[in-house]
């Protein structure tokens, strides 16, 4: 999982720098090296979509000290859960609306990004949830931002 997250961040590192966004890489301190049963490209693309959404909305909200946090929050017998959160203003739609196709608050947006991410995660036997992270893992500055939890099947 750490390799997949790091790969996604590699692909977007210049955009993050250009938008002056700090990434809080708490996932790197996770001392286990658990494996996932997944399609590497689809999961990396899903992570990229979530980060891209954060970049867009942090920029629009004019947050002075823009940050994105990525952390692994739990590992159970068969699941790995990680969180991607930003310190922006949170979501403007209810969670059930965010994953429906063709619904977007972005001007000119087509509303397929999170829908496809949800489909990919579900196809991998996982789950995508919004704003319901175990708050103990999140620094205070992220509690009002957009919080997305991704759970994926472990390779047993």
N, C-alpha and C. Protein backbone atom coordinates (compact mmCIF):
# COMPACT_ATOMS: atom_id res chain seq x y z
N UNK A 1 0.82 -1.20 0.00
CA UNK A 1 0.00 0.00 0.00
C UNK A 1 0.86 1.25 0.00
N UNK A 2 1.95 1.22 0.76
CA UNK A 2 2.81 2.40 0.82
C UNK A 2 3.41 2.70 -0.56
N UNK A 3 3.73 1.66 -1.30
CA UNK A 3 4.28 1.85 -2.65
C UNK A 3 3.26 2.47 -3.60
N UNK A 4 2.00 2.05 -3.50
CA UNK A 4 0.95 2.61 -4.36
C UNK A 4 0.73 4.09 -4.07
N UNK A 5 0.67 4.44 -2.79
CA UNK A 5 0.48 5.84 -2.41
C UNK A 5 1.67 6.67 -2.87
N UNK A 6 2.88 6.16 -2.65
CA UNK A 6 4.09 6.89 -3.06
C UNK A 6 4.13 7.08 -4.57
N UNK A 7 3.69 6.08 -5.33
CA UNK A 7 3.66 6.21 -6.78
C UNK A 7 2.69 7.30 -7.21
N UNK A 8 1.52 7.33 -6.60
CA UNK A 8 0.55 8.37 -6.94
C UNK A 8 1.12 9.75 -6.63
N UNK A 9 1.77 9.89 -5.49
CA UNK A 9 2.35 11.19 -5.13
C UNK A 9 3.49 11.57 -6.08
N UNK A 10 4.22 10.61 -6.56
CA UNK A 10 5.29 10.88 -7.53
C UNK A 10 4.69 11.53 -8.79
N UNK A 11 3.58 10.99 -9.26
CA UNK A 11 2.97 11.50 -10.49
C UNK A 11 2.42 12.92 -10.35
N UNK A 12 2.09 13.31 -9.12
CA UNK A 12 1.45 14.61 -8.92
C UNK A 12 2.36 15.60 -8.17
N UNK A 13 3.60 15.24 -7.95
CA UNK A 13 4.48 16.06 -7.12
C UNK A 13 4.68 17.48 -7.65
N UNK A 14 4.76 17.66 -8.95
CA UNK A 14 4.98 19.00 -9.50
C UNK A 14 3.74 19.87 -9.38
N UNK A 15 2.57 19.28 -9.51
CA UNK A 15 1.33 20.05 -9.32
C UNK A 15 1.19 20.48 -7.87
N UNK A 16 1.53 19.59 -6.96
CA UNK A 16 1.47 19.93 -5.54
C UNK A 16 2.41 21.09 -5.23
N UNK A 17 3.60 21.03 -5.80
CA UNK A 17 4.57 22.10 -5.60
C UNK A 17 4.08 23.41 -6.23
N UNK A 18 3.55 23.33 -7.43
CA UNK A 18 3.06 24.53 -8.13
C UNK A 18 1.92 25.20 -7.37
N UNK A 19 1.10 24.40 -6.69
CA UNK A 19 -0.02 24.95 -5.93
C UNK A 19 0.33 25.19 -4.46
N UNK A 20 1.60 24.98 -4.13
CA UNK A 20 2.11 25.20 -2.77
C UNK A 20 1.32 24.41 -1.73
N UNK A 21 1.14 23.13 -2.02
CA UNK A 21 0.42 22.24 -1.11
C UNK A 21 1.42 21.31 -0.43
N UNK A 22 1.36 21.28 0.87
CA UNK A 22 2.21 20.39 1.66
C UNK A 22 1.49 19.06 1.84
N UNK A 23 2.20 17.98 1.59
CA UNK A 23 1.64 16.64 1.83
C UNK A 23 2.20 16.12 3.15
N UNK A 24 1.31 15.76 4.04
CA UNK A 24 1.68 15.18 5.32
C UNK A 24 1.65 13.67 5.12
N UNK A 25 2.82 13.09 4.96
CA UNK A 25 2.97 11.67 4.61
C UNK A 25 3.03 10.77 5.84
N UNK A 26 2.01 10.79 6.65
CA UNK A 26 2.01 9.96 7.86
C UNK A 26 2.05 8.47 7.53
N UNK A 27 1.59 8.10 6.35
CA UNK A 27 1.58 6.68 5.98
C UNK A 27 2.98 6.08 5.95
N UNK A 28 4.00 6.91 5.74
CA UNK A 28 5.38 6.41 5.65
C UNK A 28 5.88 5.87 6.98
N UNK A 29 5.31 6.34 8.08
CA UNK A 29 5.76 5.86 9.40
C UNK A 29 5.11 4.54 9.78
N UNK A 30 4.18 4.08 8.97
CA UNK A 30 3.54 2.80 9.24
C UNK A 30 4.58 1.72 9.02
N UNK A 31 4.86 0.93 10.03
CA UNK A 31 6.00 0.03 9.96
C UNK A 31 5.71 -1.37 9.43
N UNK A 32 4.54 -1.56 8.87
CA UNK A 32 4.24 -2.86 8.27
C UNK A 32 4.30 -2.72 6.76
N UNK A 33 4.47 -3.83 6.09
CA UNK A 33 4.55 -3.82 4.64
C UNK A 33 3.51 -4.77 4.06
N UNK A 34 2.26 -4.53 4.39
CA UNK A 34 1.18 -5.40 3.94
C UNK A 34 0.94 -5.26 2.45
N UNK A 35 0.51 -6.34 1.85
CA UNK A 35 0.26 -6.40 0.41
C UNK A 35 -1.24 -6.32 0.14
N UNK A 36 -1.56 -5.74 -1.00
CA UNK A 36 -2.95 -5.67 -1.44
C UNK A 36 -3.15 -6.58 -2.64
N UNK A 37 -4.36 -7.06 -2.78
CA UNK A 37 -4.76 -7.81 -3.96
C UNK A 37 -5.52 -6.82 -4.84
N UNK A 38 -4.83 -6.23 -5.84
CA UNK A 38 -5.46 -5.15 -6.60
C UNK A 38 -4.78 -4.96 -7.96
N UNK A 39 -5.47 -4.19 -8.79
CA UNK A 39 -4.90 -3.73 -10.05
C UNK A 39 -4.15 -2.43 -9.73
N UNK A 40 -2.86 -2.47 -9.82
CA UNK A 40 -2.00 -1.35 -9.44
C UNK A 40 -2.40 -0.04 -10.11
N UNK A 41 -2.59 -0.07 -11.41
CA UNK A 41 -2.90 1.16 -12.16
C UNK A 41 -4.23 1.77 -11.74
N UNK A 42 -5.23 0.92 -11.52
CA UNK A 42 -6.54 1.44 -11.13
C UNK A 42 -6.53 2.08 -9.75
N UNK A 43 -5.81 1.47 -8.83
CA UNK A 43 -5.75 2.03 -7.47
C UNK A 43 -4.94 3.32 -7.47
N UNK A 44 -3.82 3.36 -8.18
CA UNK A 44 -3.04 4.60 -8.28
C UNK A 44 -3.88 5.70 -8.92
N UNK A 45 -4.60 5.38 -9.98
CA UNK A 45 -5.46 6.37 -10.64
C UNK A 45 -6.55 6.87 -9.69
N UNK A 46 -7.08 6.00 -8.87
CA UNK A 46 -8.10 6.39 -7.90
C UNK A 46 -7.52 7.35 -6.86
N UNK A 47 -6.34 7.03 -6.36
CA UNK A 47 -5.67 7.93 -5.40
C UNK A 47 -5.39 9.27 -6.06
N UNK A 48 -4.93 9.24 -7.30
CA UNK A 48 -4.66 10.49 -8.03
C UNK A 48 -5.92 11.34 -8.18
N UNK A 49 -7.04 10.72 -8.46
CA UNK A 49 -8.28 11.47 -8.61
C UNK A 49 -8.65 12.18 -7.32
N UNK A 50 -8.51 11.50 -6.21
CA UNK A 50 -8.83 12.10 -4.91
C UNK A 50 -7.89 13.26 -4.61
N UNK A 51 -6.60 13.07 -4.87
CA UNK A 51 -5.63 14.15 -4.65
C UNK A 51 -5.91 15.32 -5.58
N UNK A 52 -6.24 15.02 -6.83
CA UNK A 52 -6.57 16.07 -7.80
C UNK A 52 -7.77 16.89 -7.34
N UNK A 53 -8.78 16.22 -6.79
CA UNK A 53 -9.94 16.93 -6.25
C UNK A 53 -9.52 17.86 -5.11
N UNK A 54 -8.66 17.37 -4.23
CA UNK A 54 -8.18 18.21 -3.13
C UNK A 54 -7.42 19.42 -3.64
N UNK A 55 -6.56 19.22 -4.62
CA UNK A 55 -5.81 20.34 -5.20
C UNK A 55 -6.78 21.39 -5.73
N UNK A 56 -7.75 20.96 -6.49
CA UNK A 56 -8.72 21.87 -7.10
C UNK A 56 -9.47 22.67 -6.03
N UNK A 57 -10.03 21.97 -5.03
CA UNK A 57 -10.87 22.64 -4.05
C UNK A 57 -10.07 23.46 -3.05
N UNK A 58 -8.85 23.03 -2.72
CA UNK A 58 -8.00 23.85 -1.85
C UNK A 58 -7.66 25.17 -2.54
N UNK A 59 -7.39 25.10 -3.82
CA UNK A 59 -7.07 26.31 -4.58
C UNK A 59 -8.28 27.24 -4.64
N UNK A 60 -9.46 26.70 -4.90
CA UNK A 60 -10.67 27.53 -5.00
C UNK A 60 -11.06 28.14 -3.66
N UNK A 61 -10.78 27.44 -2.56
CA UNK A 61 -11.16 27.92 -1.23
C UNK A 61 -10.17 28.97 -0.71
N UNK A 62 -9.09 29.16 -1.44
CA UNK A 62 -8.06 30.12 -1.05
C UNK A 62 -7.56 29.89 0.38
N UNK A 63 -7.26 28.63 0.67
CA UNK A 63 -6.69 28.26 1.96
C UNK A 63 -5.23 28.72 1.97
N UNK A 64 -4.79 29.47 2.98
CA UNK A 64 -3.42 30.01 2.95
C UNK A 64 -2.32 28.97 3.13
N UNK A 65 -2.54 27.98 3.97
CA UNK A 65 -1.53 26.96 4.23
C UNK A 65 -2.11 25.61 3.84
N UNK A 66 -2.17 25.35 2.52
CA UNK A 66 -2.86 24.17 1.99
C UNK A 66 -2.09 22.88 2.32
N UNK A 67 -2.85 21.88 2.80
CA UNK A 67 -2.24 20.61 3.17
C UNK A 67 -3.15 19.44 2.80
N UNK A 68 -2.49 18.33 2.46
CA UNK A 68 -3.17 17.05 2.25
C UNK A 68 -2.48 16.03 3.13
N UNK A 69 -3.27 15.30 3.89
CA UNK A 69 -2.75 14.26 4.78
C UNK A 69 -3.07 12.90 4.20
N UNK A 70 -2.10 11.99 4.23
CA UNK A 70 -2.35 10.61 3.84
C UNK A 70 -1.80 9.72 4.96
N UNK A 71 -2.66 8.84 5.44
CA UNK A 71 -2.26 7.99 6.56
C UNK A 71 -2.96 6.64 6.45
N UNK A 72 -2.31 5.62 6.94
CA UNK A 72 -2.91 4.30 7.05
C UNK A 72 -3.51 4.25 8.45
N UNK A 73 -4.82 4.03 8.53
CA UNK A 73 -5.49 4.13 9.82
C UNK A 73 -5.75 2.79 10.50
N UNK A 74 -5.88 1.73 9.72
CA UNK A 74 -6.08 0.43 10.36
C UNK A 74 -5.81 -0.71 9.38
N UNK A 75 -5.44 -1.81 9.99
CA UNK A 75 -5.26 -3.06 9.24
C UNK A 75 -5.95 -4.14 10.04
N UNK A 76 -6.89 -4.80 9.40
CA UNK A 76 -7.55 -5.93 10.05
C UNK A 76 -7.07 -7.20 9.37
N UNK A 77 -7.71 -8.29 9.72
CA UNK A 77 -7.34 -9.57 9.14
C UNK A 77 -7.40 -9.56 7.62
N UNK A 78 -8.41 -8.87 7.06
CA UNK A 78 -8.58 -8.91 5.61
C UNK A 78 -8.66 -7.54 4.93
N UNK A 79 -8.54 -6.44 5.68
CA UNK A 79 -8.67 -5.11 5.09
C UNK A 79 -7.55 -4.17 5.53
N UNK A 80 -7.18 -3.27 4.64
CA UNK A 80 -6.30 -2.14 4.95
C UNK A 80 -7.13 -0.88 4.71
N UNK A 81 -7.11 0.03 5.66
CA UNK A 81 -7.85 1.28 5.53
C UNK A 81 -6.86 2.43 5.57
N UNK A 82 -6.97 3.32 4.58
CA UNK A 82 -6.16 4.52 4.62
C UNK A 82 -7.03 5.73 4.34
N UNK A 83 -6.56 6.88 4.79
CA UNK A 83 -7.32 8.11 4.69
C UNK A 83 -6.55 9.14 3.87
N UNK A 84 -7.28 9.89 3.06
CA UNK A 84 -6.75 11.05 2.36
C UNK A 84 -7.65 12.21 2.80
N UNK A 85 -7.05 13.20 3.45
CA UNK A 85 -7.81 14.33 3.98
C UNK A 85 -7.11 15.62 3.60
N UNK A 86 -7.88 16.68 3.45
CA UNK A 86 -7.27 17.98 3.23
C UNK A 86 -7.77 18.96 4.29
N UNK A 87 -7.13 20.11 4.35
CA UNK A 87 -7.51 21.11 5.35
C UNK A 87 -8.37 22.21 4.74
N UNK A 88 -9.17 21.83 3.75
CA UNK A 88 -10.05 22.78 3.10
C UNK A 88 -11.37 22.95 3.83
N UNK A 89 -12.41 23.20 3.06
CA UNK A 89 -13.72 23.50 3.62
C UNK A 89 -14.67 22.31 3.60
N UNK A 90 -14.20 21.14 3.21
CA UNK A 90 -15.04 19.95 3.21
C UNK A 90 -15.85 19.81 1.94
N UNK A 91 -16.76 18.86 1.96
CA UNK A 91 -17.58 18.56 0.79
C UNK A 91 -18.83 19.44 0.74
N UNK A 92 -19.24 19.79 -0.46
CA UNK A 92 -20.43 20.59 -0.66
C UNK A 92 -21.66 19.76 -0.97
N UNK A 93 -21.48 18.45 -1.07
CA UNK A 93 -22.59 17.55 -1.37
C UNK A 93 -22.65 16.44 -0.33
N UNK A 94 -23.82 15.85 -0.12
CA UNK A 94 -23.90 14.67 0.76
C UNK A 94 -23.13 13.50 0.12
N UNK A 95 -22.56 12.62 0.94
CA UNK A 95 -21.75 11.51 0.41
C UNK A 95 -22.45 10.68 -0.67
N UNK A 96 -23.74 10.40 -0.49
CA UNK A 96 -24.44 9.57 -1.47
C UNK A 96 -24.55 10.25 -2.83
N UNK A 97 -24.49 11.58 -2.85
CA UNK A 97 -24.53 12.33 -4.11
C UNK A 97 -23.16 12.36 -4.79
N UNK A 98 -22.10 12.36 -3.99
CA UNK A 98 -20.74 12.52 -4.55
C UNK A 98 -20.32 11.35 -5.44
N UNK A 99 -20.89 10.18 -5.20
CA UNK A 99 -20.49 9.02 -5.99
C UNK A 99 -21.46 8.72 -7.13
N UNK A 100 -22.51 9.52 -7.25
CA UNK A 100 -23.43 9.35 -8.37
C UNK A 100 -22.82 9.96 -9.63
N UNK A 101 -23.02 9.31 -10.78
CA UNK A 101 -22.46 9.87 -12.01
C UNK A 101 -23.17 11.17 -12.41
N UNK A 102 -22.41 12.04 -13.03
CA UNK A 102 -22.89 13.29 -13.63
C UNK A 102 -23.30 14.35 -12.61
N UNK A 103 -22.89 14.19 -11.36
CA UNK A 103 -23.17 15.21 -10.35
C UNK A 103 -21.83 15.81 -9.93
N UNK A 104 -21.70 17.12 -10.11
CA UNK A 104 -20.45 17.80 -9.79
C UNK A 104 -20.72 19.24 -9.40
N UNK A 105 -19.91 19.74 -8.47
CA UNK A 105 -19.96 21.16 -8.12
C UNK A 105 -18.90 21.96 -8.88
N UNK A 106 -18.03 21.26 -9.59
CA UNK A 106 -17.01 21.95 -10.39
C UNK A 106 -17.66 22.57 -11.62
N UNK A 107 -17.40 23.85 -11.86
CA UNK A 107 -17.91 24.44 -13.10
C UNK A 107 -17.32 23.68 -14.30
N UNK A 108 -18.18 23.17 -15.14
CA UNK A 108 -17.72 22.39 -16.29
C UNK A 108 -17.35 20.96 -15.97
N UNK A 109 -17.47 20.56 -14.70
CA UNK A 109 -17.15 19.18 -14.31
C UNK A 109 -18.21 18.22 -14.82
N UNK A 110 -17.80 16.99 -15.12
CA UNK A 110 -18.77 16.02 -15.64
C UNK A 110 -19.23 15.04 -14.57
N UNK A 111 -18.64 15.10 -13.39
CA UNK A 111 -19.14 14.30 -12.28
C UNK A 111 -18.89 12.81 -12.40
N UNK A 112 -17.77 12.43 -13.00
CA UNK A 112 -17.47 11.00 -13.11
C UNK A 112 -16.31 10.55 -12.22
N UNK A 113 -15.50 11.47 -11.74
CA UNK A 113 -14.29 11.10 -10.99
C UNK A 113 -14.55 10.21 -9.79
N UNK A 114 -15.28 10.72 -8.80
CA UNK A 114 -15.52 9.93 -7.60
C UNK A 114 -16.45 8.74 -7.86
N UNK A 115 -17.29 8.87 -8.87
CA UNK A 115 -18.12 7.72 -9.25
C UNK A 115 -17.22 6.56 -9.71
N UNK A 116 -16.27 6.86 -10.58
CA UNK A 116 -15.35 5.82 -11.08
C UNK A 116 -14.47 5.31 -9.95
N UNK A 117 -13.97 6.20 -9.11
CA UNK A 117 -13.16 5.77 -7.96
C UNK A 117 -13.97 4.79 -7.11
N UNK A 118 -15.21 5.12 -6.82
CA UNK A 118 -16.06 4.23 -6.02
C UNK A 118 -16.24 2.88 -6.71
N UNK A 119 -16.46 2.90 -8.01
CA UNK A 119 -16.62 1.64 -8.76
C UNK A 119 -15.34 0.79 -8.70
N UNK A 120 -14.20 1.43 -8.83
CA UNK A 120 -12.91 0.71 -8.78
C UNK A 120 -12.72 0.09 -7.40
N UNK A 121 -12.93 0.88 -6.36
CA UNK A 121 -12.73 0.38 -4.99
C UNK A 121 -13.72 -0.75 -4.69
N UNK A 122 -14.97 -0.58 -5.09
CA UNK A 122 -15.97 -1.62 -4.88
C UNK A 122 -15.61 -2.90 -5.64
N UNK A 123 -15.14 -2.75 -6.87
CA UNK A 123 -14.75 -3.92 -7.68
C UNK A 123 -13.58 -4.68 -7.04
N UNK A 124 -12.80 -3.99 -6.22
CA UNK A 124 -11.69 -4.62 -5.52
C UNK A 124 -12.11 -5.16 -4.15
N UNK A 125 -13.42 -5.19 -3.89
CA UNK A 125 -13.92 -5.71 -2.62
C UNK A 125 -13.74 -4.73 -1.48
N UNK A 126 -13.54 -3.46 -1.82
CA UNK A 126 -13.30 -2.45 -0.80
C UNK A 126 -14.48 -1.53 -0.61
N UNK A 127 -14.21 -0.42 0.04
CA UNK A 127 -15.25 0.50 0.42
C UNK A 127 -14.68 1.92 0.44
N UNK A 128 -15.47 2.86 -0.02
CA UNK A 128 -15.10 4.28 -0.03
C UNK A 128 -16.10 5.01 0.86
N UNK A 129 -15.60 5.71 1.88
CA UNK A 129 -16.49 6.46 2.76
C UNK A 129 -15.97 7.88 2.92
N UNK A 130 -16.87 8.78 3.30
CA UNK A 130 -16.56 10.20 3.36
C UNK A 130 -16.81 10.76 4.75
N UNK A 131 -15.86 11.56 5.22
CA UNK A 131 -15.99 12.34 6.47
C UNK A 131 -16.31 11.51 7.70
N UNK A 132 -16.00 10.23 7.68
CA UNK A 132 -16.29 9.45 8.88
C UNK A 132 -15.04 8.75 9.40
N UNK A 133 -13.90 9.37 9.15
CA UNK A 133 -12.65 8.80 9.63
C UNK A 133 -12.65 8.77 11.15
N UNK A 134 -11.92 7.82 11.68
CA UNK A 134 -11.69 7.81 13.11
C UNK A 134 -10.88 9.07 13.42
N UNK A 135 -11.53 10.04 14.01
CA UNK A 135 -10.95 11.38 14.18
C UNK A 135 -9.67 11.38 15.01
N UNK A 136 -9.41 10.33 15.76
CA UNK A 136 -8.20 10.30 16.57
C UNK A 136 -6.93 10.29 15.71
N UNK A 137 -7.05 9.86 14.46
CA UNK A 137 -5.89 9.81 13.58
C UNK A 137 -5.62 11.14 12.90
N UNK A 138 -6.58 12.04 12.93
CA UNK A 138 -6.45 13.27 12.17
C UNK A 138 -6.04 14.44 13.05
N UNK A 139 -5.01 15.17 12.63
CA UNK A 139 -4.71 16.42 13.32
C UNK A 139 -5.90 17.38 13.19
N UNK A 140 -6.04 18.25 14.16
CA UNK A 140 -7.19 19.15 14.25
C UNK A 140 -7.43 19.94 12.96
N UNK A 141 -6.36 20.35 12.30
CA UNK A 141 -6.50 21.20 11.10
C UNK A 141 -7.20 20.50 9.94
N UNK A 142 -7.33 19.17 9.99
CA UNK A 142 -7.97 18.42 8.90
C UNK A 142 -9.43 18.06 9.19
N UNK A 143 -9.90 18.31 10.39
CA UNK A 143 -11.22 17.84 10.80
C UNK A 143 -12.37 18.48 10.03
N UNK A 144 -12.19 19.69 9.51
CA UNK A 144 -13.27 20.35 8.76
C UNK A 144 -13.09 20.22 7.26
N UNK A 145 -12.02 19.58 6.82
CA UNK A 145 -11.76 19.43 5.40
C UNK A 145 -12.44 18.21 4.82
N UNK A 146 -12.11 17.92 3.58
CA UNK A 146 -12.62 16.72 2.91
C UNK A 146 -11.82 15.52 3.42
N UNK A 147 -12.53 14.50 3.87
CA UNK A 147 -11.91 13.29 4.42
C UNK A 147 -12.48 12.10 3.66
N UNK A 148 -11.59 11.33 3.05
CA UNK A 148 -12.01 10.13 2.32
C UNK A 148 -11.25 8.93 2.88
N UNK A 149 -12.01 7.93 3.29
CA UNK A 149 -11.43 6.66 3.75
C UNK A 149 -11.56 5.63 2.65
N UNK A 150 -10.50 4.91 2.42
CA UNK A 150 -10.49 3.84 1.41
C UNK A 150 -10.09 2.55 2.12
N UNK A 151 -10.94 1.56 2.04
CA UNK A 151 -10.58 0.25 2.56
C UNK A 151 -10.44 -0.71 1.39
N UNK A 152 -9.39 -1.48 1.43
CA UNK A 152 -9.09 -2.45 0.37
C UNK A 152 -8.77 -3.80 0.97
N UNK A 153 -9.01 -4.85 0.20
CA UNK A 153 -8.70 -6.20 0.64
C UNK A 153 -7.21 -6.43 0.72
N UNK A 154 -6.78 -7.07 1.78
CA UNK A 154 -5.39 -7.50 1.91
C UNK A 154 -5.20 -8.77 1.10
N UNK A 155 -3.99 -8.96 0.62
CA UNK A 155 -3.62 -10.20 -0.05
C UNK A 155 -3.23 -11.18 1.04
N UNK A 156 -4.09 -12.14 1.31
CA UNK A 156 -3.86 -13.07 2.43
C UNK A 156 -3.00 -14.24 2.02
